[in-house]
Amino acid sequence: MFKRKISFENPLYDYLVLFTTILICTLIGYAQYHFHIKNTDYSLTSLISGIIALGMAYYFDNKSALVISITALGSFIGLTLKIQTLFENDFLNDSLLLSSGLIFGGLLLIWEYYSEKNNLKVHFSTVFLTFALHLLFLIGLIGFAQKNFWFLYSFILVFVACFFYKKSLQYATISWYIFTLFYGYIGFDILFFRIIYYFDLDQITTFLTLFTPFYVLGSILFFIKQIRNFKKKAYASK
């Protein structure tokens, strides 16, 4: 049951599993609030909710419960942004947040690889890979924009881009390919402005302003061409 794909005769059962998962997680959070357990620290609640939702996802073969589980477990290890942190703009310099994101994203990839090798709910791979794609790219871009260790994050970005490029072709998933192009495009722009800043090329700012419309137009045409090429490669692989 934990390995093979399960299909309910009535699709309402999937919604029942989702509703039950949400209800259980809500009751756990309410219990902590009502009994004043650890005051406002909801990390324990997030961990318990994540584990229960993960069990519901694998036992009843429910992707929505899996999404809840990954979100809760991510919150447990620190992938949350406080409102105060947002206003203070400290989330870009939070090394703990970046490290937590890299570790969690890496664990998602490791578990997806393990599941694929052992034929363990292989159809869940798209959920794990989608979370890992956005998480690792965002962490990589944030780290790349920092003053410290940006060179290390550039290697992480290149690795993630190559990895998900291959995965997008393997699964013939155009959304992964588009986001890989998009995040890679942002990383290239950050690198370009880093070069300008490093070599003190402020004198070409006027030229860049005039060149911007052509750059944007060229980028759009590049995206269109790459998407067409992806469709050809995806169909060829089939």
C-alpha atoms as a PDB file:
ATOM      1  CA  MET A   1       0.000   0.000   0.000  1.00  0.00           C
ATOM      2  CA  PHE A   2       2.850   2.376   0.796  1.00  0.00           C
ATOM      3  CA  LYS A   3       4.548   1.647  -2.531  1.00  0.00           C
ATOM      4  CA  ARG A   4       1.906   1.296  -5.194  1.00  0.00           C
ATOM      5  CA  LYS A   5      -0.477   3.908  -6.502  1.00  0.00           C
ATOM      6  CA  ILE A   6      -3.989   3.757  -5.066  1.00  0.00           C
ATOM      7  CA  SER A   7      -7.044   4.978  -6.963  1.00  0.00           C
ATOM      8  CA  PHE A   8     -10.349   5.485  -5.173  1.00  0.00           C
ATOM      9  CA  GLU A   9     -13.544   4.642  -7.025  1.00  0.00           C
ATOM     10  CA  ASN A  10     -15.109   7.874  -5.809  1.00  0.00           C
ATOM     11  CA  PRO A  11     -12.927  11.024  -6.143  1.00  0.00           C
ATOM     12  CA  LEU A  12     -14.690  12.470  -3.099  1.00  0.00           C
ATOM     13  CA  TYR A  13     -12.542  10.168  -0.957  1.00  0.00           C
ATOM     14  CA  ASP A  14      -9.482  12.218  -1.918  1.00  0.00           C
ATOM     15  CA  TYR A  15     -11.177  15.375  -0.666  1.00  0.00           C
ATOM     16  CA  LEU A  16     -12.188  13.538   2.502  1.00  0.00           C
ATOM     17  CA  VAL A  17      -8.548  12.611   3.147  1.00  0.00           C
ATOM     18  CA  LEU A  18      -7.499  16.216   2.516  1.00  0.00           C
ATOM     19  CA  PHE A  19     -10.205  17.576   4.846  1.00  0.00           C
ATOM     20  CA  THR A  20      -9.236  15.092   7.560  1.00  0.00           C
ATOM     21  CA  THR A  21      -5.564  16.050   7.262  1.00  0.00           C
ATOM     22  CA  ILE A  22      -6.347  19.762   7.526  1.00  0.00           C
ATOM     23  CA  LEU A  23      -8.662  19.129  10.483  1.00  0.00           C
ATOM     24  CA  ILE A  24      -6.032  17.106  12.367  1.00  0.00           C
ATOM     25  CA  CYS A  25      -3.345  19.767  11.802  1.00  0.00           C
ATOM     26  CA  THR A  26      -5.767  22.484  12.914  1.00  0.00           C
ATOM     27  CA  LEU A  27      -6.659  20.593  16.095  1.00  0.00           C
ATOM     28  CA  ILE A  28      -2.972  20.105  16.910  1.00  0.00           C
ATOM     29  CA  GLY A  29      -2.355  23.835  16.539  1.00  0.00           C
ATOM     30  CA  TYR A  30      -5.424  24.657  18.625  1.00  0.00           C
ATOM     31  CA  ALA A  31      -4.329  22.247  21.358  1.00  0.00           C
ATOM     32  CA  GLN A  32      -0.959  23.978  21.661  1.00  0.00           C
ATOM     33  CA  TYR A  33      -2.627  27.393  21.747  1.00  0.00           C
ATOM     34  CA  HIS A  34      -5.279  26.326  24.260  1.00  0.00           C
ATOM     35  CA  PHE A  35      -2.897  24.624  26.684  1.00  0.00           C
ATOM     36  CA  HIS A  36      -0.174  27.295  26.241  1.00  0.00           C
ATOM     37  CA  ILE A  37       2.489  24.798  25.236  1.00  0.00           C
ATOM     38  CA  LYS A  38       5.742  26.618  24.398  1.00  0.00           C
ATOM     39  CA  ASN A  39       3.757  29.851  24.036  1.00  0.00           C
ATOM     40  CA  THR A  40       4.249  31.172  20.480  1.00  0.00           C
ATOM     41  CA  ASP A  41       6.825  28.587  19.381  1.00  0.00           C
ATOM     42  CA  TYR A  42       4.892  26.403  16.966  1.00  0.00           C
ATOM     43  CA  SER A  43       7.845  24.368  15.723  1.00  0.00           C
ATOM     44  CA  LEU A  44       6.704  21.263  17.621  1.00  0.00           C
ATOM     45  CA  THR A  45       3.209  21.632  16.176  1.00  0.00           C
ATOM     46  CA  SER A  46       4.673  21.965  12.693  1.00  0.00           C
ATOM     47  CA  LEU A  47       6.763  18.813  13.177  1.00  0.00           C
ATOM     48  CA  ILE A  48       3.854  16.706  14.448  1.00  0.00           C
ATOM     49  CA  SER A  49       1.525  18.034  11.748  1.00  0.00           C
ATOM     50  CA  GLY A  50       4.129  17.348   9.078  1.00  0.00           C
ATOM     51  CA  ILE A  51       4.668  13.754  10.223  1.00  0.00           C
ATOM     52  CA  ILE A  52       0.939  13.011  10.442  1.00  0.00           C
ATOM     53  CA  ALA A  53       0.256  14.601   7.050  1.00  0.00           C
ATOM     54  CA  LEU A  54       3.130  12.585   5.570  1.00  0.00           C
ATOM     55  CA  GLY A  55       1.611   9.382   6.917  1.00  0.00           C
ATOM     56  CA  MET A  56      -1.794  10.337   5.513  1.00  0.00           C
ATOM     57  CA  ALA A  57      -0.227  11.124   2.149  1.00  0.00           C
ATOM     58  CA  TYR A  58       1.560   7.784   1.824  1.00  0.00           C
ATOM     59  CA  TYR A  59      -1.177   5.610   3.329  1.00  0.00           C
ATOM     60  CA  PHE A  60      -4.052   7.119   1.336  1.00  0.00           C
ATOM     61  CA  ASP A  61      -1.960   8.129  -1.682  1.00  0.00           C
ATOM     62  CA  ASN A  62      -2.934  11.797  -1.481  1.00  0.00           C
ATOM     63  CA  LYS A  63      -0.721  14.469  -3.064  1.00  0.00           C
ATOM     64  CA  SER A  64      -2.550  17.324  -1.331  1.00  0.00           C
ATOM     65  CA  ALA A  65      -1.688  15.845   2.064  1.00  0.00           C
ATOM     66  CA  LEU A  66       1.905  15.523   0.871  1.00  0.00           C
ATOM     67  CA  VAL A  67       1.982  19.234   0.037  1.00  0.00           C
ATOM     68  CA  ILE A  68       0.737  20.025   3.557  1.00  0.00           C
ATOM     69  CA  SER A  69       3.400  17.748   5.024  1.00  0.00           C
ATOM     70  CA  ILE A  70       6.280  19.326   3.099  1.00  0.00           C
ATOM     71  CA  THR A  71       5.065  22.823   4.001  1.00  0.00           C
ATOM     72  CA  ALA A  72       4.785  21.942   7.701  1.00  0.00           C
ATOM     73  CA  LEU A  73       8.190  20.244   7.826  1.00  0.00           C
ATOM     74  CA  GLY A  74       9.736  23.221   6.045  1.00  0.00           C
ATOM     75  CA  SER A  75       8.231  25.481   8.686  1.00  0.00           C
ATOM     76  CA  PHE A  76       9.660  23.248  11.419  1.00  0.00           C
ATOM     77  CA  ILE A  77      13.259  23.622  10.233  1.00  0.00           C
ATOM     78  CA  GLY A  78      12.916  27.394  10.001  1.00  0.00           C
ATOM     79  CA  LEU A  79      11.617  28.177   6.510  1.00  0.00           C
ATOM     80  CA  THR A  80       9.297  30.877   7.787  1.00  0.00           C
ATOM     81  CA  LEU A  81       9.545  34.632   7.534  1.00  0.00           C
ATOM     82  CA  LYS A  82       8.344  36.771  10.401  1.00  0.00           C
ATOM     83  CA  ILE A  83       6.587  40.031   9.589  1.00  0.00           C
ATOM     84  CA  GLN A  84       9.204  41.945  11.580  1.00  0.00           C
ATOM     85  CA  THR A  85      11.962  40.299   9.554  1.00  0.00           C
ATOM     86  CA  LEU A  86      10.300  41.356   6.310  1.00  0.00           C
ATOM     87  CA  PHE A  87      10.065  44.991   7.394  1.00  0.00           C
ATOM     88  CA  GLU A  88      13.682  45.010   8.558  1.00  0.00           C
ATOM     89  CA  ASN A  89      14.836  43.412   5.268  1.00  0.00           C
ATOM     90  CA  ASP A  90      16.899  40.908   7.232  1.00  0.00           C
ATOM     91  CA  PHE A  91      15.638  37.833   5.407  1.00  0.00           C
ATOM     92  CA  LEU A  92      18.165  38.410   2.613  1.00  0.00           C
ATOM     93  CA  ASN A  93      21.035  38.214   5.104  1.00  0.00           C
ATOM     94  CA  ASP A  94      19.704  35.373   7.252  1.00  0.00           C
ATOM     95  CA  SER A  95      22.381  32.695   6.920  1.00  0.00           C
ATOM     96  CA  LEU A  96      20.327  30.268   9.037  1.00  0.00           C
ATOM     97  CA  LEU A  97      17.391  30.603   6.651  1.00  0.00           C
ATOM     98  CA  LEU A  98      19.630  29.990   3.635  1.00  0.00           C
ATOM     99  CA  SER A  99      21.290  26.972   5.249  1.00  0.00           C
ATOM    100  CA  SER A 100      17.926  25.523   6.283  1.00  0.00           C
ATOM    101  CA  GLY A 101      16.609  25.987   2.757  1.00  0.00           C
ATOM    102  CA  LEU A 102      19.603  24.257   1.185  1.00  0.00           C
ATOM    103  CA  ILE A 103      19.423  21.329   3.605  1.00  0.00           C
ATOM    104  CA  PHE A 104      15.679  20.889   3.193  1.00  0.00           C
ATOM    105  CA  GLY A 105      15.880  21.167  -0.596  1.00  0.00           C
ATOM    106  CA  GLY A 106      18.712  18.645  -0.634  1.00  0.00           C
ATOM    107  CA  LEU A 107      16.696  16.244   1.531  1.00  0.00           C
ATOM    108  CA  LEU A 108      13.771  16.492  -0.879  1.00  0.00           C
ATOM    109  CA  LEU A 109      16.051  15.545  -3.774  1.00  0.00           C
ATOM    110  CA  ILE A 110      17.605  12.671  -1.815  1.00  0.00           C
ATOM    111  CA  TRP A 111      14.208  11.279  -0.839  1.00  0.00           C
ATOM    112  CA  GLU A 112      12.948  11.597  -4.419  1.00  0.00           C
ATOM    113  CA  TYR A 113      16.009   9.684  -5.639  1.00  0.00           C
ATOM    114  CA  TYR A 114      15.514   6.998  -2.974  1.00  0.00           C
ATOM    115  CA  SER A 115      11.819   6.655  -3.823  1.00  0.00           C
ATOM    116  CA  GLU A 116      12.559   6.339  -7.518  1.00  0.00           C
ATOM    117  CA  LYS A 117      15.207   3.658  -6.962  1.00  0.00           C
ATOM    118  CA  ASN A 118      12.964   1.642  -4.622  1.00  0.00           C
ATOM    119  CA  ASN A 119       9.725   2.199  -6.549  1.00  0.00           C
ATOM    120  CA  LEU A 120       8.173   3.945  -3.534  1.00  0.00           C
ATOM    121  CA  LYS A 121       5.225   6.096  -4.663  1.00  0.00           C
ATOM    122  CA  VAL A 122       7.106   7.197  -7.767  1.00  0.00           C
ATOM    123  CA  HIS A 123       4.199   9.430  -8.811  1.00  0.00           C
ATOM    124  CA  PHE A 124       4.990  11.626  -5.780  1.00  0.00           C
ATOM    125  CA  SER A 125       8.271  12.633  -7.437  1.00  0.00           C
ATOM    126  CA  THR A 126       6.691  15.604  -9.206  1.00  0.00           C
ATOM    127  CA  VAL A 127       5.633  17.092  -5.857  1.00  0.00           C
ATOM    128  CA  PHE A 128       9.086  16.703  -4.283  1.00  0.00           C
ATOM    129  CA  LEU A 129      10.873  18.027  -7.359  1.00  0.00           C
ATOM    130  CA  THR A 130       8.554  21.028  -7.739  1.00  0.00           C
ATOM    131  CA  PHE A 131       9.128  22.085  -4.125  1.00  0.00           C
ATOM    132  CA  ALA A 132      12.878  21.510  -4.451  1.00  0.00           C
ATOM    133  CA  LEU A 133      13.081  23.448  -7.723  1.00  0.00           C
ATOM    134  CA  HIS A 134      11.581  26.657  -6.371  1.00  0.00           C
ATOM    135  CA  LEU A 135      13.227  26.375  -2.960  1.00  0.00           C
ATOM    136  CA  LEU A 136      16.768  25.726  -4.197  1.00  0.00           C
ATOM    137  CA  PHE A 137      16.595  28.324  -6.948  1.00  0.00           C
ATOM    138  CA  LEU A 138      15.263  31.015  -4.597  1.00  0.00           C
ATOM    139  CA  ILE A 139      17.855  30.203  -1.943  1.00  0.00           C
ATOM    140  CA  GLY A 140      20.570  30.202  -4.597  1.00  0.00           C
ATOM    141  CA  LEU A 141      19.496  33.575  -6.001  1.00  0.00           C
ATOM    142  CA  ILE A 142      19.256  35.154  -2.545  1.00  0.00           C
ATOM    143  CA  GLY A 143      22.711  33.838  -1.636  1.00  0.00           C
ATOM    144  CA  PHE A 144      24.081  34.923  -5.007  1.00  0.00           C
ATOM    145  CA  ALA A 145      22.889  38.484  -4.346  1.00  0.00           C
ATOM    146  CA  GLN A 146      24.750  38.626  -1.023  1.00  0.00           C
ATOM    147  CA  LYS A 147      28.201  40.064  -0.491  1.00  0.00           C
ATOM    148  CA  ASN A 148      29.539  36.984   1.282  1.00  0.00           C
ATOM    149  CA  PHE A 149      29.783  33.499  -0.228  1.00  0.00           C
ATOM    150  CA  TRP A 150      28.123  34.617  -3.469  1.00  0.00           C
ATOM    151  CA  PHE A 151      30.729  32.667  -5.440  1.00  0.00           C
ATOM    152  CA  LEU A 152      29.672  29.452  -3.665  1.00  0.00           C
ATOM    153  CA  TYR A 153      26.016  30.101  -4.428  1.00  0.00           C
ATOM    154  CA  SER A 154      26.862  30.619  -8.100  1.00  0.00           C
ATOM    155  CA  PHE A 155      28.005  26.975  -8.266  1.00  0.00           C
ATOM    156  CA  ILE A 156      24.815  25.920  -6.499  1.00  0.00           C
ATOM    157  CA  LEU A 157      22.748  27.795  -9.084  1.00  0.00           C
ATOM    158  CA  VAL A 158      24.598  26.155 -11.974  1.00  0.00           C
ATOM    159  CA  PHE A 159      24.165  22.692 -10.441  1.00  0.00           C
ATOM    160  CA  VAL A 160      20.452  23.218  -9.766  1.00  0.00           C
ATOM    161  CA  ALA A 161      19.888  24.598 -13.278  1.00  0.00           C
ATOM    162  CA  CYS A 162      21.613  21.611 -14.925  1.00  0.00           C
ATOM    163  CA  PHE A 163      19.817  19.136 -12.672  1.00  0.00           C
ATOM    164  CA  PHE A 164      16.325  20.451 -13.333  1.00  0.00           C
ATOM    165  CA  TYR A 165      17.033  20.913 -17.024  1.00  0.00           C
ATOM    166  CA  LYS A 166      17.650  17.162 -17.230  1.00  0.00           C
ATOM    167  CA  LYS A 167      14.642  16.408 -15.027  1.00  0.00           C
ATOM    168  CA  SER A 168      12.363  18.581 -17.159  1.00  0.00           C
ATOM    169  CA  LEU A 169      13.368  16.561 -20.217  1.00  0.00           C
ATOM    170  CA  GLN A 170      13.066  13.263 -18.347  1.00  0.00           C
ATOM    171  CA  TYR A 171       9.530  14.012 -17.152  1.00  0.00           C
ATOM    172  CA  ALA A 172       8.646  16.146 -20.201  1.00  0.00           C
ATOM    173  CA  THR A 173       7.470  18.872 -17.804  1.00  0.00           C
ATOM    174  CA  ILE A 174       7.524  22.235 -19.528  1.00  0.00           C
ATOM    175  CA  SER A 175       6.751  24.190 -16.331  1.00  0.00           C
ATOM    176  CA  TRP A 176      10.037  23.003 -14.780  1.00  0.00           C
ATOM    177  CA  TYR A 177      11.872  24.004 -17.934  1.00  0.00           C
ATOM    178  CA  ILE A 178      10.289  27.476 -17.991  1.00  0.00           C
ATOM    179  CA  PHE A 179      11.100  28.126 -14.336  1.00  0.00           C
ATOM    180  CA  THR A 180      14.650  26.862 -14.860  1.00  0.00           C
ATOM    181  CA  LEU A 181      15.061  29.358 -17.696  1.00  0.00           C
ATOM    182  CA  PHE A 182      13.447  32.117 -15.647  1.00  0.00           C
ATOM    183  CA  TYR A 183      15.576  31.618 -12.534  1.00  0.00           C
ATOM    184  CA  GLY A 184      18.682  31.184 -14.666  1.00  0.00           C
ATOM    185  CA  TYR A 185      17.846  34.425 -16.455  1.00  0.00           C
ATOM    186  CA  ILE A 186      17.628  36.264 -13.130  1.00  0.00           C
ATOM    187  CA  GLY A 187      20.934  34.747 -12.026  1.00  0.00           C
ATOM    188  CA  PHE A 188      22.584  35.888 -15.259  1.00  0.00           C
ATOM    189  CA  ASP A 189      21.315  39.448 -14.705  1.00  0.00           C
ATOM    190  CA  ILE A 190      22.646  39.466 -11.146  1.00  0.00           C
ATOM    191  CA  LEU A 191      26.034  38.260 -12.411  1.00  0.00           C
ATOM    192  CA  PHE A 192      26.049  40.975 -15.089  1.00  0.00           C
ATOM    193  CA  PHE A 193      25.458  43.755 -12.567  1.00  0.00           C
ATOM    194  CA  ARG A 194      28.026  42.223 -10.227  1.00  0.00           C
ATOM    195  CA  ILE A 195      30.615  42.527 -13.007  1.00  0.00           C
ATOM    196  CA  ILE A 196      29.654  46.166 -13.580  1.00  0.00           C
ATOM    197  CA  TYR A 197      29.935  46.884  -9.865  1.00  0.00           C
ATOM    198  CA  TYR A 198      33.215  44.976  -9.454  1.00  0.00           C
ATOM    199  CA  PHE A 199      34.993  46.712 -12.344  1.00  0.00           C
ATOM    200  CA  ASP A 200      33.389  50.077 -11.548  1.00  0.00           C
ATOM    201  CA  LEU A 201      31.774  50.428 -14.983  1.00  0.00           C
ATOM    202  CA  ASP A 202      29.205  53.021 -13.937  1.00  0.00           C
ATOM    203  CA  GLN A 203      30.017  55.069 -17.041  1.00  0.00           C
ATOM    204  CA  ILE A 204      28.110  52.626 -19.246  1.00  0.00           C
ATOM    205  CA  THR A 205      24.865  53.167 -17.310  1.00  0.00           C
ATOM    206  CA  THR A 206      23.498  55.476 -20.013  1.00  0.00           C
ATOM    207  CA  PHE A 207      24.237  52.901 -22.692  1.00  0.00           C
ATOM    208  CA  LEU A 208      22.508  50.204 -20.650  1.00  0.00           C
ATOM    209  CA  THR A 209      19.410  52.379 -20.320  1.00  0.00           C
ATOM    210  CA  LEU A 210      19.207  52.729 -24.105  1.00  0.00           C
ATOM    211  CA  PHE A 211      19.960  49.049 -24.620  1.00  0.00           C
ATOM    212  CA  THR A 212      17.322  47.789 -22.141  1.00  0.00           C
ATOM    213  CA  PRO A 213      14.330  47.642 -24.578  1.00  0.00           C
ATOM    214  CA  PHE A 214      16.373  45.580 -27.055  1.00  0.00           C
ATOM    215  CA  TYR A 215      17.571  43.319 -24.247  1.00  0.00           C
ATOM    216  CA  VAL A 216      14.020  42.688 -23.043  1.00  0.00           C
ATOM    217  CA  LEU A 217      12.810  41.983 -26.593  1.00  0.00           C
ATOM    218  CA  GLY A 218      15.730  39.647 -27.221  1.00  0.00           C
ATOM    219  CA  SER A 219      15.024  37.846 -23.947  1.00  0.00           C
ATOM    220  CA  ILE A 220      11.386  37.266 -24.939  1.00  0.00           C
ATOM    221  CA  LEU A 221      12.421  35.863 -28.318  1.00  0.00           C
ATOM    222  CA  PHE A 222      15.026  33.683 -26.596  1.00  0.00           C
ATOM    223  CA  PHE A 223      12.410  32.251 -24.223  1.00  0.00           C
ATOM    224  CA  ILE A 224      10.026  31.492 -27.094  1.00  0.00           C
ATOM    225  CA  LYS A 225      12.754  29.744 -29.076  1.00  0.00           C
ATOM    226  CA  GLN A 226      13.884  27.674 -26.096  1.00  0.00           C
ATOM    227  CA  ILE A 227      10.330  26.567 -25.310  1.00  0.00           C
ATOM    228  CA  ARG A 228       9.873  25.427 -28.907  1.00  0.00           C
ATOM    229  CA  ASN A 229      13.157  23.521 -28.768  1.00  0.00           C
ATOM    230  CA  PHE A 230      12.070  21.908 -25.506  1.00  0.00           C
ATOM    231  CA  LYS A 231       8.861  20.613 -27.069  1.00  0.00           C
ATOM    232  CA  LYS A 232      10.860  19.090 -29.920  1.00  0.00           C
ATOM    233  CA  LYS A 233      13.286  17.408 -27.503  1.00  0.00           C
ATOM    234  CA  ALA A 234      10.464  16.191 -25.256  1.00  0.00           C
ATOM    235  CA  TYR A 235       8.571  14.617 -28.148  1.00  0.00           C
ATOM    236  CA  ALA A 236      11.796  13.142 -29.539  1.00  0.00           C
ATOM    237  CA  SER A 237      12.569  11.470 -26.196  1.00  0.00           C
ATOM    238  CA  LYS A 238       9.151   9.824 -26.231  1.00  0.00           C
END
